Each structure stands twice: as C-alpha cells, then as structure tokens.
C-alpha atoms as a PDB file:
ATOM      1  CA  MET A   1     -12.460 -19.836  -0.789  1.00  0.00           C
ATOM      2  CA  THR A   2     -15.205 -17.729  -2.360  1.00  0.00           C
ATOM      3  CA  LYS A   3     -14.439 -14.527  -4.236  1.00  0.00           C
ATOM      4  CA  ASN A   4     -15.689 -12.406  -1.319  1.00  0.00           C
ATOM      5  CA  GLU A   5     -13.671 -14.420   1.207  1.00  0.00           C
ATOM      6  CA  HIS A   6     -10.573 -13.943  -0.939  1.00  0.00           C
ATOM      7  CA  ILE A   7     -11.198 -10.191  -1.152  1.00  0.00           C
ATOM      8  CA  GLU A   8     -11.842  -9.983   2.601  1.00  0.00           C
ATOM      9  CA  TYR A   9      -8.576 -11.833   3.240  1.00  0.00           C
ATOM     10  CA  TRP A  10      -6.602  -9.145   1.378  1.00  0.00           C
ATOM     11  CA  VAL A  11      -8.621  -6.307   2.945  1.00  0.00           C
ATOM     12  CA  ASP A  12      -8.018  -7.711   6.433  1.00  0.00           C
ATOM     13  CA  ILE A  13      -4.254  -7.980   6.028  1.00  0.00           C
ATOM     14  CA  SER A  14      -4.188  -4.528   4.451  1.00  0.00           C
ATOM     15  CA  GLN A  15      -5.898  -3.267   7.609  1.00  0.00           C
ATOM     16  CA  TYR A  16      -3.394  -5.121   9.786  1.00  0.00           C
ATOM     17  CA  ASP A  17      -0.545  -3.467   7.873  1.00  0.00           C
ATOM     18  CA  ILE A  18      -1.978   0.047   8.289  1.00  0.00           C
ATOM     19  CA  GLU A  19      -2.398  -0.593  12.007  1.00  0.00           C
ATOM     20  CA  THR A  20       1.221  -1.740  12.116  1.00  0.00           C
ATOM     21  CA  ALA A  21       2.258   1.467  10.308  1.00  0.00           C
ATOM     22  CA  GLU A  22       0.449   3.471  13.004  1.00  0.00           C
ATOM     23  CA  LEU A  23       2.324   1.584  15.726  1.00  0.00           C
ATOM     24  CA  MET A  24       5.604   2.230  13.930  1.00  0.00           C
ATOM     25  CA  MET A  25       4.659   5.922  13.756  1.00  0.00           C
ATOM     26  CA  ASP A  26       3.991   5.994  17.496  1.00  0.00           C
ATOM     27  CA  GLY A  27       7.374   4.346  18.070  1.00  0.00           C
ATOM     28  CA  LYS A  28       9.126   6.772  15.677  1.00  0.00           C
ATOM     29  CA  LYS A  29      10.249   3.873  13.465  1.00  0.00           C
ATOM     30  CA  TYR A  30       9.867   5.976  10.333  1.00  0.00           C
ATOM     31  CA  LEU A  31      11.565   3.551   7.962  1.00  0.00           C
ATOM     32  CA  TYR A  32       8.893   0.995   8.713  1.00  0.00           C
ATOM     33  CA  VAL A  33       6.012   3.469   8.507  1.00  0.00           C
ATOM     34  CA  GLY A  34       6.713   3.799   4.789  1.00  0.00           C
ATOM     35  CA  PHE A  35       7.306   0.084   4.361  1.00  0.00           C
ATOM     36  CA  MET A  36       4.043  -0.867   6.063  1.00  0.00           C
ATOM     37  CA  CYS A  37       2.094   1.788   4.150  1.00  0.00           C
ATOM     38  CA  HIS A  38       3.423   0.257   0.939  1.00  0.00           C
ATOM     39  CA  GLN A  39       2.383  -3.173   2.175  1.00  0.00           C
ATOM     40  CA  SER A  40      -1.108  -1.946   3.032  1.00  0.00           C
ATOM     41  CA  ILE A  41      -1.631  -0.431  -0.421  1.00  0.00           C
ATOM     42  CA  GLU A  42      -0.158  -3.489  -2.124  1.00  0.00           C
ATOM     43  CA  LYS A  43      -2.644  -5.728  -0.367  1.00  0.00           C
ATOM     44  CA  ILE A  44      -5.697  -3.546  -0.984  1.00  0.00           C
ATOM     45  CA  LEU A  45      -4.695  -3.460  -4.672  1.00  0.00           C
ATOM     46  CA  LYS A  46      -4.532  -7.252  -4.584  1.00  0.00           C
ATOM     47  CA  ALA A  47      -8.052  -7.290  -3.119  1.00  0.00           C
ATOM     48  CA  TYR A  48      -9.156  -5.157  -6.048  1.00  0.00           C
ATOM     49  CA  TYR A  49      -7.366  -7.487  -8.460  1.00  0.00           C
ATOM     50  CA  VAL A  50      -9.402 -10.395  -7.063  1.00  0.00           C
ATOM     51  CA  PHE A  51     -12.570  -8.280  -7.339  1.00  0.00           C
ATOM     52  CA  VAL A  52     -11.944  -7.614 -11.042  1.00  0.00           C
ATOM     53  CA  HIS A  53     -10.342 -10.864 -12.188  1.00  0.00           C
ATOM     54  CA  GLN A  54     -11.717 -13.434  -9.743  1.00  0.00           C
ATOM     55  CA  ALA A  55      -8.219 -14.892  -9.595  1.00  0.00           C
ATOM     56  CA  THR A  56      -5.259 -14.994  -7.248  1.00  0.00           C
ATOM     57  CA  PRO A  57      -3.159 -11.852  -7.691  1.00  0.00           C
ATOM     58  CA  MET A  58       0.324 -12.058  -9.095  1.00  0.00           C
ATOM     59  CA  ARG A  59       3.268 -12.022  -6.710  1.00  0.00           C
ATOM     60  CA  ILE A  60       4.448  -8.555  -7.576  1.00  0.00           C
ATOM     61  CA  HIS A  61       5.219  -5.597  -5.340  1.00  0.00           C
ATOM     62  CA  ASN A  62       5.345  -2.745  -7.836  1.00  0.00           C
ATOM     63  CA  LEU A  63       2.265  -0.664  -7.048  1.00  0.00           C
ATOM     64  CA  ARG A  64       1.962   0.957 -10.476  1.00  0.00           C
ATOM     65  CA  ARG A  65       2.194  -2.403 -12.220  1.00  0.00           C
ATOM     66  CA  LEU A  66      -0.256  -3.947  -9.785  1.00  0.00           C
ATOM     67  CA  ALA A  67      -2.752  -1.097 -10.276  1.00  0.00           C
ATOM     68  CA  LYS A  68      -2.486  -1.586 -14.035  1.00  0.00           C
ATOM     69  CA  LYS A  69      -2.954  -5.355 -13.783  1.00  0.00           C
ATOM     70  CA  ALA A  70      -5.975  -4.750 -11.536  1.00  0.00           C
ATOM     71  CA  GLU A  71      -7.370  -2.429 -14.221  1.00  0.00           C
ATOM     72  CA  LEU A  72      -7.517   0.440 -11.743  1.00  0.00           C
ATOM     73  CA  TYR A  73      -4.616   2.629 -12.882  1.00  0.00           C
ATOM     74  CA  ASP A  74      -6.557   4.579 -15.506  1.00  0.00           C
ATOM     75  CA  SER A  75      -9.132   5.512 -12.847  1.00  0.00           C
ATOM     76  CA  LEU A  76      -6.504   7.044 -10.563  1.00  0.00           C
ATOM     77  CA  SER A  77      -6.113  10.792 -10.291  1.00  0.00           C
ATOM     78  CA  ASP A  78      -2.721  12.303 -11.043  1.00  0.00           C
ATOM     79  CA  SER A  79      -2.150  12.791  -7.314  1.00  0.00           C
ATOM     80  CA  GLN A  80      -2.979   9.116  -6.636  1.00  0.00           C
ATOM     81  CA  LYS A  81      -0.550   8.056  -9.363  1.00  0.00           C
ATOM     82  CA  ASP A  82       2.103  10.321  -7.854  1.00  0.00           C
ATOM     83  CA  PHE A  83       1.396   8.835  -4.434  1.00  0.00           C
ATOM     84  CA  ILE A  84       1.910   5.213  -5.482  1.00  0.00           C
ATOM     85  CA  ASP A  85       5.040   6.231  -7.379  1.00  0.00           C
ATOM     86  CA  MET A  86       6.385   7.891  -4.212  1.00  0.00           C
ATOM     87  CA  LEU A  87       5.404   4.894  -2.060  1.00  0.00           C
ATOM     88  CA  ASN A  88       6.751   2.258  -4.428  1.00  0.00           C
ATOM     89  CA  PRO A  89      10.474   2.423  -3.567  1.00  0.00           C
ATOM     90  CA  LEU A  90       9.749   2.292   0.179  1.00  0.00           C
ATOM     91  CA  ASN A  91       9.156  -1.439  -0.192  1.00  0.00           C
ATOM     92  CA  ILE A  92      12.562  -2.243  -1.653  1.00  0.00           C
ATOM     93  CA  GLU A  93      14.723   0.396  -0.060  1.00  0.00           C
ATOM     94  CA  ALA A  94      13.572  -0.488   3.458  1.00  0.00           C
ATOM     95  CA  ARG A  95      14.827  -4.037   2.965  1.00  0.00           C
ATOM     96  CA  TYR A  96      18.427  -3.415   1.986  1.00  0.00           C
ATOM     97  CA  PRO A  97      21.114  -1.891   4.232  1.00  0.00           C
ATOM     98  CA  THR A  98      22.637   0.127   1.392  1.00  0.00           C
ATOM     99  CA  TYR A  99      19.428   2.102   1.001  1.00  0.00           C
ATOM    100  CA  LYS A 100      18.236   2.165   4.610  1.00  0.00           C
ATOM    101  CA  GLU A 101      20.458   4.986   5.812  1.00  0.00           C
ATOM    102  CA  GLN A 102      19.669   7.224   2.851  1.00  0.00           C
ATOM    103  CA  LEU A 103      15.939   6.495   3.083  1.00  0.00           C
ATOM    104  CA  LEU A 104      15.871   7.002   6.834  1.00  0.00           C
ATOM    105  CA  LYS A 105      17.361  10.485   6.428  1.00  0.00           C
ATOM    106  CA  SER A 106      14.508  11.428   4.076  1.00  0.00           C
ATOM    107  CA  LEU A 107      11.693  10.238   6.356  1.00  0.00           C
ATOM    108  CA  SER A 108      10.828  12.911   8.891  1.00  0.00           C
ATOM    109  CA  HIS A 109       7.984  12.750  11.370  1.00  0.00           C
ATOM    110  CA  LYS A 110       5.984  15.199   9.247  1.00  0.00           C
ATOM    111  CA  LYS A 111       6.607  13.277   6.023  1.00  0.00           C
ATOM    112  CA  CYS A 112       5.578   9.993   7.638  1.00  0.00           C
ATOM    113  CA  LEU A 113       2.373  11.532   9.008  1.00  0.00           C
ATOM    114  CA  ASN A 114       1.588  12.645   5.464  1.00  0.00           C
ATOM    115  CA  ILE A 115       2.353   9.201   4.023  1.00  0.00           C
ATOM    116  CA  LEU A 116       0.177   7.543   6.647  1.00  0.00           C
ATOM    117  CA  GLU A 117      -2.743   9.896   6.004  1.00  0.00           C
ATOM    118  CA  GLN A 118      -2.516   9.498   2.225  1.00  0.00           C
ATOM    119  CA  THR A 119      -2.331   5.722   2.628  1.00  0.00           C
ATOM    120  CA  LYS A 120      -5.504   5.676   4.692  1.00  0.00           C
ATOM    121  CA  GLU A 121      -7.341   7.870   2.189  1.00  0.00           C
ATOM    122  CA  PHE A 122      -6.203   5.882  -0.834  1.00  0.00           C
ATOM    123  CA  ARG A 123      -6.958   2.585   0.901  1.00  0.00           C
ATOM    124  CA  GLU A 124     -10.491   3.731   1.748  1.00  0.00           C
ATOM    125  CA  TRP A 125     -11.037   4.956  -1.810  1.00  0.00           C
ATOM    126  CA  ILE A 126     -10.191   1.501  -3.170  1.00  0.00           C
ATOM    127  CA  LYS A 127     -12.157  -0.259  -0.444  1.00  0.00           C
ATOM    128  CA  GLU A 128     -15.315   1.645  -1.412  1.00  0.00           C
ATOM    129  CA  LYS A 129     -14.987   0.217  -4.926  1.00  0.00           C
ATOM    130  CA  LEU A 130     -14.924  -3.379  -3.694  1.00  0.00           C
ATOM    131  CA  LEU A 131     -18.639  -3.571  -2.894  1.00  0.00           C
ATOM    132  CA  ILE A 132     -18.276  -6.271  -0.263  1.00  0.00           C
END
C-alpha cells in the first residue's frame, strides 16, 4: 500500500464513522453519537500520523496522545485541544455498562448536535492538511 493509499484508507473509514454518527443522531442513539465522533477523529488523526511518519499508526485510542504522536498537537488551538479532551472519554465510557448510564444522562440532543458539528469541523481542518 502506498502512503497515499494508506492515508485514504484512514480518511475513508473516518468518513464512514461520521456518517454512522449522523445516523445515530437521527435515531436518537446519543451514546453512540459521541462514540462514533471519537472514532472518526481517531481515524483522521491516524491518517495524519501516516502523512507525517509514513508508518502504520500505533494502536492507541487516546486522542491527545495520538495528536502528539502525529506531531499535530502543538498546532491545535486551545478550543481544539479542549474538544479532543472532551471527546476522549466517550470512547471508553460508551463501552462499559458502569459508565453508560451516567454518560447517557449527560448527552442531550443539543449536546450531541454540538459534538457532531465540532467533529465535522475538526475533521475537515485535519483533512485539509493531508494534501491528498
């Protein structure tokens, strides 16, 4: 697989995940809106990692750590850093029953619309940097 094919692979599955988040939003499955938004950002960060390092990204899910490893973190605005910090626990907490109920109570329709919109904006910002 060429570098560009590898990047396109991650971009494509990031797109699939954002589309899935939109479907979850339409179905009012708010827990999974956050989870899929996290997944979408994780995968676009992995595309950027490949862009910078020309190597397979590490199998990590922590968005802050991934952004740092991709050498992108220092380029993020404070609001982008806050966004990935807010999004980060949605990956883990959506997976475990102990956290699901508590997380579900915090995810309103309005909050999920905001998360979805911020995910799309952040994803596009990174995508523009990929030059593919």
